[in-house]
């Protein structure tokens, strides 16, 4: 039984035999009863504002082109924000951090190599004797 429609009575519609056969086949594909399939079809047409007389080809292409235009507009806005907003702000922040960069501290284990001053210098004169 159809949920929500259990207590309603059935009506008869005058449909040609070939159309009824096609409709029953479509109902089997949808795995719904004939009443629910017909209700879904009516709701689809009403919700989307289309008529069964017109084809969806041009409408779908128009819809697709509108979506592409909107996506391109969003991409342009994001690129503009990156150029005019994010990069200058990032540059200013980096310049601030470079000014206040802490001095490098030497490790405790690291020892400074002291230069020893030479107190005695050897003479280069070969005749010099002790």
N, C-alpha and C. Protein backbone atom coordinates (compact mmCIF):
# COMPACT_ATOMS: atom_id res chain seq x y z
N UNK A 1 0.83 -1.19 0.00
CA UNK A 1 0.00 0.00 0.00
C UNK A 1 0.87 1.25 0.00
N UNK A 2 0.32 2.31 -0.51
CA UNK A 2 1.01 3.58 -0.55
C UNK A 2 0.89 4.27 0.80
N UNK A 3 2.02 4.69 1.38
CA UNK A 3 2.00 5.34 2.68
C UNK A 3 1.29 6.68 2.59
N UNK A 4 0.38 6.91 3.51
CA UNK A 4 -0.36 8.17 3.54
C UNK A 4 -1.62 8.16 2.69
N UNK A 5 -1.78 7.15 1.87
CA UNK A 5 -2.94 7.09 0.97
C UNK A 5 -3.74 5.80 1.15
N UNK A 6 -3.59 5.15 2.30
CA UNK A 6 -4.23 3.85 2.52
C UNK A 6 -5.76 3.93 2.52
N UNK A 7 -6.33 5.01 3.04
CA UNK A 7 -7.78 5.10 3.21
C UNK A 7 -8.50 5.72 2.01
N UNK A 8 -7.73 6.16 1.02
CA UNK A 8 -8.37 6.77 -0.15
C UNK A 8 -8.87 5.69 -1.08
N UNK A 9 -9.92 6.00 -1.78
CA UNK A 9 -10.49 5.03 -2.72
C UNK A 9 -9.86 5.21 -4.09
N UNK A 10 -9.96 4.21 -4.92
CA UNK A 10 -9.39 4.24 -6.26
C UNK A 10 -10.39 4.86 -7.23
N UNK A 11 -9.84 5.53 -8.24
CA UNK A 11 -10.62 6.10 -9.34
C UNK A 11 -10.13 5.44 -10.62
N UNK A 12 -10.94 5.51 -11.62
CA UNK A 12 -10.57 4.96 -12.91
C UNK A 12 -10.30 6.10 -13.87
N UNK A 13 -9.26 5.93 -14.67
CA UNK A 13 -8.91 6.90 -15.70
C UNK A 13 -9.07 6.23 -17.05
N UNK A 14 -9.48 6.99 -18.02
CA UNK A 14 -9.60 6.46 -19.38
C UNK A 14 -8.27 6.61 -20.10
N UNK A 15 -7.52 5.53 -20.23
CA UNK A 15 -6.21 5.55 -20.88
C UNK A 15 -6.21 4.49 -21.97
N UNK A 16 -5.62 4.80 -23.09
CA UNK A 16 -5.50 3.84 -24.18
C UNK A 16 -4.66 2.64 -23.72
N UNK A 17 -4.90 1.50 -24.30
CA UNK A 17 -4.24 0.25 -23.88
C UNK A 17 -2.73 0.32 -24.05
N UNK A 18 -2.25 0.88 -25.17
CA UNK A 18 -0.79 0.95 -25.41
C UNK A 18 -0.12 1.90 -24.40
N UNK A 19 -0.79 3.00 -24.07
CA UNK A 19 -0.24 3.96 -23.11
C UNK A 19 -0.22 3.33 -21.72
N UNK A 20 -1.28 2.60 -21.36
CA UNK A 20 -1.35 1.94 -20.06
C UNK A 20 -0.24 0.90 -19.92
N UNK A 21 0.04 0.20 -21.00
CA UNK A 21 1.11 -0.81 -20.97
C UNK A 21 2.47 -0.16 -20.74
N UNK A 22 2.73 0.93 -21.46
CA UNK A 22 4.00 1.65 -21.26
C UNK A 22 4.09 2.20 -19.84
N UNK A 23 2.99 2.73 -19.32
CA UNK A 23 2.98 3.30 -17.97
C UNK A 23 3.25 2.23 -16.93
N UNK A 24 2.65 1.06 -17.08
CA UNK A 24 2.89 -0.04 -16.14
C UNK A 24 4.36 -0.47 -16.17
N UNK A 25 4.95 -0.51 -17.36
CA UNK A 25 6.38 -0.82 -17.48
C UNK A 25 7.24 0.21 -16.77
N UNK A 26 6.88 1.48 -16.93
CA UNK A 26 7.62 2.55 -16.26
C UNK A 26 7.47 2.43 -14.74
N UNK A 27 6.29 2.08 -14.27
CA UNK A 27 6.05 1.91 -12.83
C UNK A 27 6.92 0.80 -12.26
N UNK A 28 7.10 -0.26 -13.03
CA UNK A 28 7.95 -1.36 -12.58
C UNK A 28 9.40 -0.91 -12.47
N UNK A 29 9.86 -0.10 -13.43
CA UNK A 29 11.22 0.43 -13.38
C UNK A 29 11.42 1.33 -12.17
N UNK A 30 10.40 2.09 -11.82
CA UNK A 30 10.47 3.00 -10.67
C UNK A 30 10.27 2.27 -9.35
N UNK A 31 9.77 1.03 -9.41
CA UNK A 31 9.45 0.23 -8.21
C UNK A 31 8.44 0.94 -7.33
N UNK A 32 7.48 1.55 -7.94
CA UNK A 32 6.39 2.25 -7.24
C UNK A 32 5.06 1.77 -7.81
N UNK A 33 4.02 2.05 -7.04
CA UNK A 33 2.68 1.73 -7.55
C UNK A 33 2.32 2.72 -8.65
N UNK A 34 1.26 2.43 -9.38
CA UNK A 34 0.85 3.32 -10.47
C UNK A 34 0.43 4.68 -9.92
N UNK A 35 -0.27 4.69 -8.79
CA UNK A 35 -0.72 5.96 -8.20
C UNK A 35 0.48 6.81 -7.77
N UNK A 36 1.45 6.18 -7.09
CA UNK A 36 2.60 6.93 -6.60
C UNK A 36 3.49 7.40 -7.75
N UNK A 37 3.63 6.60 -8.79
CA UNK A 37 4.43 7.01 -9.95
C UNK A 37 3.80 8.22 -10.62
N UNK A 38 2.49 8.19 -10.80
CA UNK A 38 1.81 9.33 -11.42
C UNK A 38 1.92 10.57 -10.54
N UNK A 39 1.81 10.40 -9.22
CA UNK A 39 1.95 11.53 -8.29
C UNK A 39 3.35 12.12 -8.36
N UNK A 40 4.38 11.27 -8.40
CA UNK A 40 5.76 11.75 -8.52
C UNK A 40 5.98 12.52 -9.81
N UNK A 41 5.40 12.06 -10.89
CA UNK A 41 5.53 12.74 -12.17
C UNK A 41 4.89 14.13 -12.12
N UNK A 42 3.70 14.20 -11.56
CA UNK A 42 3.01 15.50 -11.47
C UNK A 42 3.80 16.46 -10.59
N UNK A 43 4.29 15.98 -9.45
CA UNK A 43 5.07 16.85 -8.56
C UNK A 43 6.36 17.32 -9.22
N UNK A 44 6.99 16.45 -9.99
CA UNK A 44 8.21 16.82 -10.70
C UNK A 44 7.95 18.00 -11.64
N UNK A 45 6.91 17.89 -12.44
CA UNK A 45 6.60 18.95 -13.41
C UNK A 45 6.22 20.25 -12.70
N UNK A 46 5.46 20.15 -11.62
CA UNK A 46 5.05 21.36 -10.90
C UNK A 46 6.22 22.01 -10.18
N UNK A 47 7.06 21.21 -9.52
CA UNK A 47 8.19 21.76 -8.76
C UNK A 47 9.22 22.43 -9.66
N UNK A 48 9.47 21.86 -10.82
CA UNK A 48 10.49 22.39 -11.71
C UNK A 48 9.95 23.42 -12.70
N UNK A 49 8.65 23.60 -12.69
CA UNK A 49 8.05 24.62 -13.55
C UNK A 49 8.23 24.34 -15.03
N UNK A 50 8.19 23.08 -15.39
CA UNK A 50 8.32 22.74 -16.81
C UNK A 50 7.05 22.03 -17.26
N UNK A 51 6.87 22.04 -18.54
CA UNK A 51 5.71 21.40 -19.13
C UNK A 51 6.16 20.13 -19.85
N UNK A 52 5.34 19.07 -19.84
CA UNK A 52 5.72 17.85 -20.57
C UNK A 52 5.78 18.07 -22.08
N UNK A 53 5.21 19.16 -22.56
CA UNK A 53 5.22 19.43 -24.00
C UNK A 53 6.57 19.92 -24.48
N UNK A 54 7.34 20.59 -23.61
CA UNK A 54 8.63 21.12 -24.05
C UNK A 54 9.75 20.16 -23.71
N UNK A 55 10.83 20.23 -24.48
CA UNK A 55 11.98 19.35 -24.24
C UNK A 55 12.93 20.02 -23.26
N UNK A 56 13.72 19.22 -22.59
CA UNK A 56 14.67 19.75 -21.61
C UNK A 56 16.00 20.13 -22.23
N UNK A 57 16.25 19.76 -23.48
CA UNK A 57 17.54 20.02 -24.13
C UNK A 57 17.99 21.47 -24.03
N UNK A 58 17.26 22.42 -24.62
CA UNK A 58 17.69 23.81 -24.54
C UNK A 58 17.65 24.36 -23.11
N UNK A 59 16.68 23.93 -22.33
CA UNK A 59 16.60 24.42 -20.95
C UNK A 59 17.79 23.96 -20.13
N UNK A 60 18.20 22.72 -20.30
CA UNK A 60 19.34 22.19 -19.55
C UNK A 60 20.63 22.87 -20.00
N UNK A 61 20.75 23.14 -21.30
CA UNK A 61 21.95 23.81 -21.79
C UNK A 61 22.01 25.24 -21.28
N UNK A 62 20.87 25.90 -21.22
CA UNK A 62 20.83 27.27 -20.69
C UNK A 62 21.20 27.26 -19.22
N UNK A 63 20.66 26.31 -18.49
CA UNK A 63 20.97 26.19 -17.07
C UNK A 63 22.45 25.92 -16.85
N UNK A 64 23.02 25.05 -17.67
CA UNK A 64 24.44 24.72 -17.55
C UNK A 64 25.31 25.95 -17.84
N UNK A 65 24.95 26.74 -18.85
CA UNK A 65 25.74 27.93 -19.17
C UNK A 65 25.64 28.97 -18.06
N UNK A 66 24.47 29.09 -17.44
CA UNK A 66 24.31 30.03 -16.32
C UNK A 66 25.17 29.61 -15.13
N UNK A 67 25.20 28.32 -14.86
CA UNK A 67 26.02 27.82 -13.75
C UNK A 67 27.49 28.07 -14.03
N UNK A 68 27.93 27.83 -15.26
CA UNK A 68 29.33 28.08 -15.62
C UNK A 68 29.70 29.55 -15.46
N UNK A 69 28.78 30.45 -15.85
CA UNK A 69 29.04 31.88 -15.70
C UNK A 69 29.21 32.25 -14.24
N UNK A 70 28.35 31.70 -13.38
CA UNK A 70 28.43 32.00 -11.95
C UNK A 70 29.72 31.46 -11.35
N UNK A 71 30.12 30.26 -11.79
CA UNK A 71 31.37 29.68 -11.28
C UNK A 71 32.56 30.53 -11.70
N UNK A 72 32.56 30.99 -12.95
CA UNK A 72 33.64 31.86 -13.42
C UNK A 72 33.67 33.17 -12.65
N UNK A 73 32.50 33.70 -12.30
CA UNK A 73 32.44 34.93 -11.52
C UNK A 73 33.01 34.71 -10.12
N UNK A 74 32.71 33.59 -9.52
CA UNK A 74 33.24 33.28 -8.18
C UNK A 74 34.76 33.13 -8.24
N UNK A 75 35.26 32.47 -9.27
CA UNK A 75 36.70 32.32 -9.43
C UNK A 75 37.38 33.67 -9.58
N UNK A 76 36.78 34.57 -10.35
CA UNK A 76 37.34 35.91 -10.53
C UNK A 76 37.37 36.67 -9.21
N UNK A 77 36.32 36.54 -8.42
CA UNK A 77 36.28 37.22 -7.11
C UNK A 77 37.38 36.69 -6.21
N UNK A 78 37.57 35.39 -6.18
CA UNK A 78 38.60 34.79 -5.32
C UNK A 78 40.00 35.25 -5.76
N UNK A 79 40.24 35.29 -7.07
CA UNK A 79 41.55 35.75 -7.56
C UNK A 79 41.78 37.21 -7.19
N UNK A 80 40.75 38.03 -7.30
CA UNK A 80 40.86 39.44 -6.93
C UNK A 80 41.18 39.60 -5.44
N UNK A 81 40.54 38.80 -4.61
CA UNK A 81 40.82 38.85 -3.17
C UNK A 81 42.27 38.45 -2.90
N UNK A 82 42.74 37.43 -3.59
CA UNK A 82 44.13 37.00 -3.39
C UNK A 82 45.11 38.10 -3.77
N UNK A 83 44.86 38.78 -4.89
CA UNK A 83 45.79 39.81 -5.36
C UNK A 83 45.74 41.06 -4.50
N UNK A 84 44.54 41.53 -4.19
CA UNK A 84 44.42 42.84 -3.56
C UNK A 84 44.27 42.80 -2.05
N UNK A 85 44.06 41.66 -1.48
CA UNK A 85 43.83 41.63 -0.04
C UNK A 85 44.86 40.77 0.68
N UNK A 86 45.00 39.54 0.28
CA UNK A 86 45.84 38.61 1.03
C UNK A 86 47.33 38.88 0.87
N UNK A 87 47.80 39.12 -0.34
CA UNK A 87 49.24 39.29 -0.55
C UNK A 87 49.80 40.53 0.15
N UNK A 88 49.16 41.71 0.07
CA UNK A 88 49.70 42.86 0.80
C UNK A 88 49.68 42.64 2.32
N UNK A 89 48.65 42.03 2.83
CA UNK A 89 48.56 41.77 4.26
C UNK A 89 49.65 40.80 4.68
N UNK A 90 49.88 39.78 3.92
CA UNK A 90 50.93 38.81 4.22
C UNK A 90 52.30 39.47 4.19
N UNK A 91 52.52 40.33 3.22
CA UNK A 91 53.81 41.03 3.13
C UNK A 91 54.04 41.92 4.34
N UNK A 92 53.00 42.63 4.79
CA UNK A 92 53.13 43.49 5.96
C UNK A 92 53.44 42.67 7.21
N UNK A 93 52.76 41.55 7.37
CA UNK A 93 53.01 40.71 8.54
C UNK A 93 54.43 40.14 8.52
N UNK A 94 54.90 39.74 7.36
CA UNK A 94 56.25 39.20 7.28
C UNK A 94 57.29 40.27 7.60
N UNK A 95 57.06 41.50 7.14
CA UNK A 95 58.02 42.56 7.45
C UNK A 95 58.03 42.87 8.94
N UNK A 96 56.89 42.80 9.59
CA UNK A 96 56.85 43.01 11.04
C UNK A 96 57.60 41.92 11.79
N UNK A 97 57.43 40.68 11.38
CA UNK A 97 58.10 39.59 12.06
C UNK A 97 59.60 39.60 11.82
N UNK A 98 60.05 40.10 10.68
CA UNK A 98 61.49 40.15 10.40
C UNK A 98 62.18 41.19 11.27
N UNK A 99 61.50 42.28 11.60
CA UNK A 99 62.09 43.30 12.46
C UNK A 99 62.29 42.77 13.87
N UNK A 100 61.36 42.01 14.35
CA UNK A 100 61.41 41.55 15.72
C UNK A 100 61.91 40.11 15.83
N UNK A 101 62.70 39.72 14.87
CA UNK A 101 63.23 38.37 14.87
C UNK A 101 64.23 38.21 16.02
N UNK A 102 64.08 37.23 16.87
CA UNK A 102 64.97 37.09 18.02
C UNK A 102 66.39 36.72 17.58
N UNK A 103 67.38 37.18 18.40
CA UNK A 103 68.77 36.85 18.09
C UNK A 103 68.99 35.38 18.38
N UNK A 104 69.85 34.81 17.58
CA UNK A 104 70.13 33.39 17.77
C UNK A 104 71.01 33.21 19.00
N UNK A 105 70.57 32.37 19.90
CA UNK A 105 71.35 32.08 21.09
C UNK A 105 72.20 30.85 20.82
N UNK A 106 73.40 30.88 21.39
CA UNK A 106 74.28 29.74 21.19
C UNK A 106 73.87 28.64 22.15
N UNK A 107 74.09 27.45 21.71
CA UNK A 107 73.78 26.30 22.54
C UNK A 107 74.73 26.22 23.72
N UNK A 108 74.29 25.66 24.80
CA UNK A 108 75.12 25.56 26.01
C UNK A 108 76.32 24.65 25.75
N UNK A 109 76.13 23.63 24.97
CA UNK A 109 77.21 22.69 24.69
C UNK A 109 78.27 23.27 23.77
N UNK A 110 77.89 24.27 23.05
CA UNK A 110 78.81 24.85 22.08
C UNK A 110 79.80 25.76 22.78
N UNK A 111 81.10 25.54 22.54
CA UNK A 111 82.13 26.36 23.17
C UNK A 111 82.76 27.26 22.13
N UNK A 112 83.12 28.43 22.61
CA UNK A 112 83.77 29.36 21.70
C UNK A 112 85.24 28.99 21.59
N UNK A 113 85.76 29.04 20.40
CA UNK A 113 87.18 28.76 20.20
C UNK A 113 87.94 30.05 20.45
N UNK A 114 88.77 30.06 21.52
CA UNK A 114 89.53 31.26 21.86
C UNK A 114 90.85 31.26 21.10
N UNK A 115 91.19 32.41 20.62
CA UNK A 115 92.46 32.52 19.93
C UNK A 115 93.53 32.84 20.96
N UNK A 116 94.58 32.03 20.96
CA UNK A 116 95.69 32.26 21.89
C UNK A 116 96.66 33.25 21.27
N UNK A 117 97.02 34.22 22.08
CA UNK A 117 98.01 35.17 21.59
C UNK A 117 99.40 34.55 21.71
N UNK A 118 100.16 34.73 20.68
CA UNK A 118 101.51 34.18 20.66
C UNK A 118 102.43 35.14 21.40
N UNK A 119 103.12 34.59 22.42
CA UNK A 119 104.01 35.44 23.21
C UNK A 119 105.43 35.47 22.63
N UNK A 120 105.84 34.39 22.05
CA UNK A 120 107.18 34.31 21.52
C UNK A 120 107.12 34.05 20.03
N UNK A 121 107.97 34.73 19.32
CA UNK A 121 108.05 34.54 17.88
C UNK A 121 109.46 34.10 17.55
N UNK A 122 109.61 33.11 16.79
CA UNK A 122 110.90 32.58 16.41
C UNK A 122 111.49 33.43 15.30
N UNK A 123 112.75 33.71 15.43
CA UNK A 123 113.41 34.52 14.42
C UNK A 123 113.74 33.65 13.21
N UNK A 124 113.67 34.26 12.11
CA UNK A 124 113.91 33.52 10.89
C UNK A 124 115.38 33.56 10.46
N UNK A 125 116.24 34.22 11.23
CA UNK A 125 117.66 34.37 10.88
C UNK A 125 118.39 33.06 11.21
N UNK A 126 119.02 32.41 10.20
CA UNK A 126 119.68 31.12 10.45
C UNK A 126 120.96 31.24 11.30
N UNK A 127 121.59 32.37 11.42
CA UNK A 127 122.82 32.54 12.16
C UNK A 127 122.57 32.73 13.64
N UNK A 128 121.40 32.88 13.98
CA UNK A 128 121.04 33.11 15.36
C UNK A 128 121.25 31.82 16.16
N UNK A 129 121.96 31.92 17.22
CA UNK A 129 122.19 30.76 18.05
C UNK A 129 121.75 31.06 19.47
N UNK A 130 121.50 30.00 20.20
CA UNK A 130 121.11 30.17 21.60
C UNK A 130 122.25 30.37 22.47
